[in-house]
């Protein structure tokens, strides 16, 4: 699968096996392998090798609890979950924010798309790319484009530009709320990690949603 920035290999249940990253600037092309256990949980993810590494490139080694919830992302952040497997907080930064605390005073929708958001006494209009992701924020007062975003196939921002001192907004890929501390996207029942391209906990409807309980989309 190709998204313009990377290509991926998957197994038959859409588990990511490797990511091929093209050369960029002084950084060479790289192949990043993913390893998983018998429960389809990633146990090792190779990191990008920096052109002038200040920190050794050590693979991330995620860890999970007995309920299948991610407890350590292998990159210095640990997570806590409640009895319903809902995220309770994370220890490296701050308690995970809920969409109700994003600071937006109101929003309007049309045909299930968010068309404007009020924030800090400003009304921002949204534009969308062909996949329904928010691609620009336009200041209704003067018509200026205050932000422009582009995404790869799994929601990672490959372009994230702001103008006119715009401080950004927590809605973007798939119009979902982004937790600014973890980069996870809130889909209502679960948070989604665009870096790994999967959910950090198991599907609440179990195998009714498919064999890959962590899979975001089919392959």
C-alpha atoms as a PDB file:
ATOM      1  CA  UNK A   1       0.000   0.000   0.000  1.00  0.00           C
ATOM      2  CA  UNK A   2       1.392   3.441  -0.934  1.00  0.00           C
ATOM      3  CA  UNK A   3       0.347   6.833   0.430  1.00  0.00           C
ATOM      4  CA  UNK A   4       2.878   9.125  -1.183  1.00  0.00           C
ATOM      5  CA  UNK A   5       5.314   9.101   1.739  1.00  0.00           C
ATOM      6  CA  UNK A   6       5.692   5.434   2.719  1.00  0.00           C
ATOM      7  CA  UNK A   7       4.791   1.975   1.515  1.00  0.00           C
ATOM      8  CA  UNK A   8       3.607  -0.827   3.775  1.00  0.00           C
ATOM      9  CA  UNK A   9       3.419  -4.608   3.872  1.00  0.00           C
ATOM     10  CA  UNK A  10       0.595  -6.365   5.699  1.00  0.00           C
ATOM     11  CA  UNK A  11      -0.344  -9.921   6.570  1.00  0.00           C
ATOM     12  CA  UNK A  12      -3.760 -11.418   5.615  1.00  0.00           C
ATOM     13  CA  UNK A  13      -5.528  -9.881   8.659  1.00  0.00           C
ATOM     14  CA  UNK A  14      -4.165  -6.356   7.942  1.00  0.00           C
ATOM     15  CA  UNK A  15      -1.421  -6.437  10.568  1.00  0.00           C
ATOM     16  CA  UNK A  16       1.443  -4.171   9.532  1.00  0.00           C
ATOM     17  CA  UNK A  17       4.671  -6.094   8.875  1.00  0.00           C
ATOM     18  CA  UNK A  18       6.948  -3.315   7.676  1.00  0.00           C
ATOM     19  CA  UNK A  19       7.055   0.290   6.533  1.00  0.00           C
ATOM     20  CA  UNK A  20       9.391   1.446   3.775  1.00  0.00           C
ATOM     21  CA  UNK A  21      10.286   5.126   4.161  1.00  0.00           C
ATOM     22  CA  UNK A  22      11.831   6.859   1.116  1.00  0.00           C
ATOM     23  CA  UNK A  23      15.009   8.896   1.324  1.00  0.00           C
ATOM     24  CA  UNK A  24      14.545  12.516   2.375  1.00  0.00           C
ATOM     25  CA  UNK A  25      17.311  15.096   2.382  1.00  0.00           C
ATOM     26  CA  UNK A  26      20.357  13.570   4.035  1.00  0.00           C
ATOM     27  CA  UNK A  27      18.338  10.681   5.517  1.00  0.00           C
ATOM     28  CA  UNK A  28      18.589   7.413   3.548  1.00  0.00           C
ATOM     29  CA  UNK A  29      15.683   5.193   2.593  1.00  0.00           C
ATOM     30  CA  UNK A  30      14.764   2.867   5.447  1.00  0.00           C
ATOM     31  CA  UNK A  31      12.729  -0.270   6.039  1.00  0.00           C
ATOM     32  CA  UNK A  32      11.085  -0.374   9.472  1.00  0.00           C
ATOM     33  CA  UNK A  33      10.012  -3.868  10.600  1.00  0.00           C
ATOM     34  CA  UNK A  34       7.119  -4.502  12.995  1.00  0.00           C
ATOM     35  CA  UNK A  35       7.001  -7.572  15.229  1.00  0.00           C
ATOM     36  CA  UNK A  36       3.917  -8.918  16.987  1.00  0.00           C
ATOM     37  CA  UNK A  37       3.052 -11.715  19.393  1.00  0.00           C
ATOM     38  CA  UNK A  38       0.425 -14.443  19.066  1.00  0.00           C
ATOM     39  CA  UNK A  39      -2.250 -12.016  20.331  1.00  0.00           C
ATOM     40  CA  UNK A  40      -1.582  -9.623  17.409  1.00  0.00           C
ATOM     41  CA  UNK A  41       0.007  -7.042  19.725  1.00  0.00           C
ATOM     42  CA  UNK A  42       3.050  -5.184  18.485  1.00  0.00           C
ATOM     43  CA  UNK A  43       6.084  -6.107  20.570  1.00  0.00           C
ATOM     44  CA  UNK A  44       8.789  -4.275  18.609  1.00  0.00           C
ATOM     45  CA  UNK A  45       8.701  -1.341  16.180  1.00  0.00           C
ATOM     46  CA  UNK A  46      11.933  -0.180  14.566  1.00  0.00           C
ATOM     47  CA  UNK A  47      12.473   3.595  14.793  1.00  0.00           C
ATOM     48  CA  UNK A  48      13.518   5.988  12.079  1.00  0.00           C
ATOM     49  CA  UNK A  49      17.279   6.428  11.966  1.00  0.00           C
ATOM     50  CA  UNK A  50      18.193  10.114  12.080  1.00  0.00           C
ATOM     51  CA  UNK A  51      20.861  11.460   9.731  1.00  0.00           C
ATOM     52  CA  UNK A  52      22.758  12.932  12.712  1.00  0.00           C
ATOM     53  CA  UNK A  53      21.556  10.757  15.595  1.00  0.00           C
ATOM     54  CA  UNK A  54      21.921  12.253  19.037  1.00  0.00           C
ATOM     55  CA  UNK A  55      20.032   9.327  20.563  1.00  0.00           C
ATOM     56  CA  UNK A  56      20.667   5.677  19.639  1.00  0.00           C
ATOM     57  CA  UNK A  57      17.920   4.246  17.418  1.00  0.00           C
ATOM     58  CA  UNK A  58      16.436   1.679  19.796  1.00  0.00           C
ATOM     59  CA  UNK A  59      13.276  -0.200  18.739  1.00  0.00           C
ATOM     60  CA  UNK A  60      10.109   0.691  20.636  1.00  0.00           C
ATOM     61  CA  UNK A  61       8.782  -2.223  22.683  1.00  0.00           C
ATOM     62  CA  UNK A  62       5.067  -1.695  23.486  1.00  0.00           C
ATOM     63  CA  UNK A  63       3.499  -3.537  26.434  1.00  0.00           C
ATOM     64  CA  UNK A  64      -0.108  -4.569  27.133  1.00  0.00           C
ATOM     65  CA  UNK A  65      -2.144  -5.628  30.162  1.00  0.00           C
ATOM     66  CA  UNK A  66      -4.060  -8.921  30.435  1.00  0.00           C
ATOM     67  CA  UNK A  67      -7.140  -7.271  28.889  1.00  0.00           C
ATOM     68  CA  UNK A  68      -5.179  -6.354  25.776  1.00  0.00           C
ATOM     69  CA  UNK A  69      -4.900  -2.622  26.508  1.00  0.00           C
ATOM     70  CA  UNK A  70      -1.720  -0.716  25.656  1.00  0.00           C
ATOM     71  CA  UNK A  71       0.069   0.161  28.919  1.00  0.00           C
ATOM     72  CA  UNK A  72       3.416   1.355  27.531  1.00  0.00           C
ATOM     73  CA  UNK A  73       4.016   2.670  24.017  1.00  0.00           C
ATOM     74  CA  UNK A  74       7.709   1.794  24.249  1.00  0.00           C
ATOM     75  CA  UNK A  75       8.650   5.439  23.784  1.00  0.00           C
ATOM     76  CA  UNK A  76       8.413   6.647  27.367  1.00  0.00           C
ATOM     77  CA  UNK A  77       4.643   6.994  27.854  1.00  0.00           C
ATOM     78  CA  UNK A  78       2.609   4.669  30.079  1.00  0.00           C
ATOM     79  CA  UNK A  79      -1.191   4.444  30.161  1.00  0.00           C
ATOM     80  CA  UNK A  80      -3.850   3.491  32.688  1.00  0.00           C
ATOM     81  CA  UNK A  81      -7.259   2.005  31.847  1.00  0.00           C
ATOM     82  CA  UNK A  82     -10.453   1.624  33.829  1.00  0.00           C
ATOM     83  CA  UNK A  83     -12.539  -1.542  34.175  1.00  0.00           C
ATOM     84  CA  UNK A  84     -14.317  -0.816  30.864  1.00  0.00           C
ATOM     85  CA  UNK A  85     -10.973  -0.608  29.026  1.00  0.00           C
ATOM     86  CA  UNK A  86     -11.400   3.134  28.628  1.00  0.00           C
ATOM     87  CA  UNK A  87      -8.324   5.303  28.939  1.00  0.00           C
ATOM     88  CA  UNK A  88      -7.999   6.825  32.370  1.00  0.00           C
ATOM     89  CA  UNK A  89      -4.794   8.788  31.917  1.00  0.00           C
ATOM     90  CA  UNK A  90      -1.168   8.651  30.924  1.00  0.00           C
ATOM     91  CA  UNK A  91       1.808   9.283  33.142  1.00  0.00           C
ATOM     92  CA  UNK A  92       4.422  10.939  31.000  1.00  0.00           C
ATOM     93  CA  UNK A  93       2.520  14.103  30.253  1.00  0.00           C
ATOM     94  CA  UNK A  94      -0.941  14.832  31.663  1.00  0.00           C
ATOM     95  CA  UNK A  95      -4.337  13.207  31.988  1.00  0.00           C
ATOM     96  CA  UNK A  96      -5.760  12.430  28.569  1.00  0.00           C
ATOM     97  CA  UNK A  97      -8.162  15.180  27.542  1.00  0.00           C
ATOM     98  CA  UNK A  98     -11.747  14.502  26.558  1.00  0.00           C
ATOM     99  CA  UNK A  99     -13.371  16.147  23.527  1.00  0.00           C
ATOM    100  CA  UNK A 100     -15.524  18.221  25.829  1.00  0.00           C
ATOM    101  CA  UNK A 101     -12.451  20.079  27.045  1.00  0.00           C
ATOM    102  CA  UNK A 102     -11.085  21.134  23.669  1.00  0.00           C
ATOM    103  CA  UNK A 103     -11.971  24.799  24.060  1.00  0.00           C
ATOM    104  CA  UNK A 104     -14.383  25.047  21.140  1.00  0.00           C
ATOM    105  CA  UNK A 105     -17.534  26.927  22.115  1.00  0.00           C
ATOM    106  CA  UNK A 106     -19.708  25.432  19.400  1.00  0.00           C
ATOM    107  CA  UNK A 107     -19.790  23.771  16.031  1.00  0.00           C
ATOM    108  CA  UNK A 108     -22.183  23.413  13.127  1.00  0.00           C
ATOM    109  CA  UNK A 109     -22.572  20.378  10.905  1.00  0.00           C
ATOM    110  CA  UNK A 110     -24.051  19.718   7.483  1.00  0.00           C
ATOM    111  CA  UNK A 111     -24.566  16.217   6.095  1.00  0.00           C
ATOM    112  CA  UNK A 112     -22.445  14.793   8.943  1.00  0.00           C
ATOM    113  CA  UNK A 113     -19.555  17.171   8.222  1.00  0.00           C
ATOM    114  CA  UNK A 114     -18.333  19.843  10.582  1.00  0.00           C
ATOM    115  CA  UNK A 115     -18.525  23.117   8.644  1.00  0.00           C
ATOM    116  CA  UNK A 116     -17.489  25.707  11.216  1.00  0.00           C
ATOM    117  CA  UNK A 117     -16.112  25.935  14.724  1.00  0.00           C
ATOM    118  CA  UNK A 118     -16.099  28.839  17.157  1.00  0.00           C
ATOM    119  CA  UNK A 119     -12.917  29.267  19.156  1.00  0.00           C
ATOM    120  CA  UNK A 120     -11.592  32.233  21.128  1.00  0.00           C
ATOM    121  CA  UNK A 121     -14.341  34.483  19.713  1.00  0.00           C
ATOM    122  CA  UNK A 122     -13.400  33.517  16.164  1.00  0.00           C
ATOM    123  CA  UNK A 123     -15.544  31.594  13.704  1.00  0.00           C
ATOM    124  CA  UNK A 124     -13.436  29.256  11.596  1.00  0.00           C
ATOM    125  CA  UNK A 125     -14.775  27.673   8.417  1.00  0.00           C
ATOM    126  CA  UNK A 126     -13.433  24.271   7.384  1.00  0.00           C
ATOM    127  CA  UNK A 127     -12.540  22.902   3.987  1.00  0.00           C
ATOM    128  CA  UNK A 128     -12.125  19.199   3.268  1.00  0.00           C
ATOM    129  CA  UNK A 129      -9.953  17.018   1.095  1.00  0.00           C
ATOM    130  CA  UNK A 130     -11.367  14.253  -1.105  1.00  0.00           C
ATOM    131  CA  UNK A 131     -11.342  11.813   1.835  1.00  0.00           C
ATOM    132  CA  UNK A 132     -13.361  14.063   4.145  1.00  0.00           C
ATOM    133  CA  UNK A 133     -10.441  15.215   6.309  1.00  0.00           C
ATOM    134  CA  UNK A 134     -10.247  18.843   7.390  1.00  0.00           C
ATOM    135  CA  UNK A 135      -7.598  20.454   5.177  1.00  0.00           C
ATOM    136  CA  UNK A 136      -7.932  24.177   5.942  1.00  0.00           C
ATOM    137  CA  UNK A 137      -9.258  26.539   8.573  1.00  0.00           C
ATOM    138  CA  UNK A 138     -10.518  29.837   7.161  1.00  0.00           C
ATOM    139  CA  UNK A 139     -11.134  32.885   9.343  1.00  0.00           C
ATOM    140  CA  UNK A 140     -14.694  33.961   8.566  1.00  0.00           C
ATOM    141  CA  UNK A 141     -13.974  37.565   9.608  1.00  0.00           C
ATOM    142  CA  UNK A 142     -11.395  38.252   6.888  1.00  0.00           C
ATOM    143  CA  UNK A 143     -11.325  35.197   4.627  1.00  0.00           C
ATOM    144  CA  UNK A 144      -7.692  34.370   5.486  1.00  0.00           C
ATOM    145  CA  UNK A 145      -6.510  30.757   5.459  1.00  0.00           C
ATOM    146  CA  UNK A 146      -5.101  30.286   8.953  1.00  0.00           C
ATOM    147  CA  UNK A 147      -4.118  26.615   8.707  1.00  0.00           C
ATOM    148  CA  UNK A 148      -3.450  23.982   6.061  1.00  0.00           C
ATOM    149  CA  UNK A 149      -3.088  20.236   6.746  1.00  0.00           C
ATOM    150  CA  UNK A 150      -2.384  17.145   4.657  1.00  0.00           C
ATOM    151  CA  UNK A 151      -2.344  13.546   5.868  1.00  0.00           C
ATOM    152  CA  UNK A 152      -0.983  10.179   4.884  1.00  0.00           C
ATOM    153  CA  UNK A 153      -3.230   7.156   4.441  1.00  0.00           C
ATOM    154  CA  UNK A 154      -3.346   6.446   8.191  1.00  0.00           C
ATOM    155  CA  UNK A 155      -3.825   9.977   9.481  1.00  0.00           C
ATOM    156  CA  UNK A 156      -0.298  11.165  10.183  1.00  0.00           C
ATOM    157  CA  UNK A 157       0.125  14.816   9.283  1.00  0.00           C
ATOM    158  CA  UNK A 158       2.598  15.215   6.431  1.00  0.00           C
ATOM    159  CA  UNK A 159       1.836  18.943   6.079  1.00  0.00           C
ATOM    160  CA  UNK A 160       0.844  21.039   9.104  1.00  0.00           C
ATOM    161  CA  UNK A 161       1.094  24.765   8.437  1.00  0.00           C
ATOM    162  CA  UNK A 162      -0.408  27.668  10.379  1.00  0.00           C
ATOM    163  CA  UNK A 163      -0.510  31.368   9.541  1.00  0.00           C
ATOM    164  CA  UNK A 164      -1.452  34.670  11.190  1.00  0.00           C
ATOM    165  CA  UNK A 165      -0.445  33.395  14.639  1.00  0.00           C
ATOM    166  CA  UNK A 166      -3.162  30.747  14.502  1.00  0.00           C
ATOM    167  CA  UNK A 167      -2.740  28.390  17.450  1.00  0.00           C
ATOM    168  CA  UNK A 168      -4.240  25.367  15.756  1.00  0.00           C
ATOM    169  CA  UNK A 169      -7.391  23.386  16.415  1.00  0.00           C
ATOM    170  CA  UNK A 170      -7.878  19.826  17.710  1.00  0.00           C
ATOM    171  CA  UNK A 171      -9.921  18.599  14.715  1.00  0.00           C
ATOM    172  CA  UNK A 172      -8.333  17.308  11.541  1.00  0.00           C
ATOM    173  CA  UNK A 173      -8.069  13.778  10.164  1.00  0.00           C
ATOM    174  CA  UNK A 174     -11.523  12.281   9.626  1.00  0.00           C
ATOM    175  CA  UNK A 175     -12.776  15.399  11.523  1.00  0.00           C
ATOM    176  CA  UNK A 176     -11.947  13.595  14.789  1.00  0.00           C
ATOM    177  CA  UNK A 177     -10.693  15.245  17.952  1.00  0.00           C
ATOM    178  CA  UNK A 178      -6.924  14.987  18.431  1.00  0.00           C
ATOM    179  CA  UNK A 179      -5.442  14.769  21.898  1.00  0.00           C
ATOM    180  CA  UNK A 180      -2.589  17.251  21.660  1.00  0.00           C
ATOM    181  CA  UNK A 181      -0.370  15.401  24.165  1.00  0.00           C
ATOM    182  CA  UNK A 182      -0.458  11.914  22.635  1.00  0.00           C
ATOM    183  CA  UNK A 183      -1.530  12.625  19.044  1.00  0.00           C
ATOM    184  CA  UNK A 184      -4.309  10.032  19.419  1.00  0.00           C
ATOM    185  CA  UNK A 185      -7.653  10.641  17.682  1.00  0.00           C
ATOM    186  CA  UNK A 186     -10.929  10.150  19.541  1.00  0.00           C
ATOM    187  CA  UNK A 187     -13.554   8.080  17.717  1.00  0.00           C
ATOM    188  CA  UNK A 188     -16.069   7.790  20.558  1.00  0.00           C
ATOM    189  CA  UNK A 189     -15.542   4.183  21.629  1.00  0.00           C
ATOM    190  CA  UNK A 190     -11.776   4.134  21.232  1.00  0.00           C
ATOM    191  CA  UNK A 191      -8.771   6.347  20.655  1.00  0.00           C
ATOM    192  CA  UNK A 192      -6.798   5.740  17.446  1.00  0.00           C
ATOM    193  CA  UNK A 193      -3.022   5.987  16.996  1.00  0.00           C
ATOM    194  CA  UNK A 194      -2.172   7.305  13.496  1.00  0.00           C
ATOM    195  CA  UNK A 195       1.519   6.516  14.009  1.00  0.00           C
ATOM    196  CA  UNK A 196       1.000   2.770  14.264  1.00  0.00           C
ATOM    197  CA  UNK A 197      -2.196   2.800  12.193  1.00  0.00           C
ATOM    198  CA  UNK A 198      -4.218   0.873  14.775  1.00  0.00           C
ATOM    199  CA  UNK A 199      -6.258   1.135  17.960  1.00  0.00           C
ATOM    200  CA  UNK A 200      -4.353   0.804  21.272  1.00  0.00           C
ATOM    201  CA  UNK A 201      -6.981  -1.511  22.756  1.00  0.00           C
ATOM    202  CA  UNK A 202      -9.153  -4.367  21.528  1.00  0.00           C
ATOM    203  CA  UNK A 203     -12.390  -3.994  19.600  1.00  0.00           C
ATOM    204  CA  UNK A 204     -15.272  -3.791  22.136  1.00  0.00           C
ATOM    205  CA  UNK A 205     -17.425  -6.004  19.865  1.00  0.00           C
ATOM    206  CA  UNK A 206     -14.564  -8.509  19.699  1.00  0.00           C
ATOM    207  CA  UNK A 207     -14.348 -10.763  16.623  1.00  0.00           C
ATOM    208  CA  UNK A 208     -17.660  -9.478  15.272  1.00  0.00           C
ATOM    209  CA  UNK A 209     -15.596  -6.654  13.814  1.00  0.00           C
ATOM    210  CA  UNK A 210     -12.995  -8.982  12.277  1.00  0.00           C
ATOM    211  CA  UNK A 211     -10.068 -11.128  13.348  1.00  0.00           C
ATOM    212  CA  UNK A 212      -7.732  -8.167  13.845  1.00  0.00           C
ATOM    213  CA  UNK A 213      -9.018  -6.688  17.103  1.00  0.00           C
ATOM    214  CA  UNK A 214      -6.588  -3.768  16.804  1.00  0.00           C
ATOM    215  CA  UNK A 215      -7.026  -3.111  13.087  1.00  0.00           C
ATOM    216  CA  UNK A 216      -8.182   0.344  11.966  1.00  0.00           C
ATOM    217  CA  UNK A 217      -9.146  -0.588   8.407  1.00  0.00           C
ATOM    218  CA  UNK A 218      -9.057  -3.715   6.276  1.00  0.00           C
ATOM    219  CA  UNK A 219      -6.289  -4.243   3.788  1.00  0.00           C
END
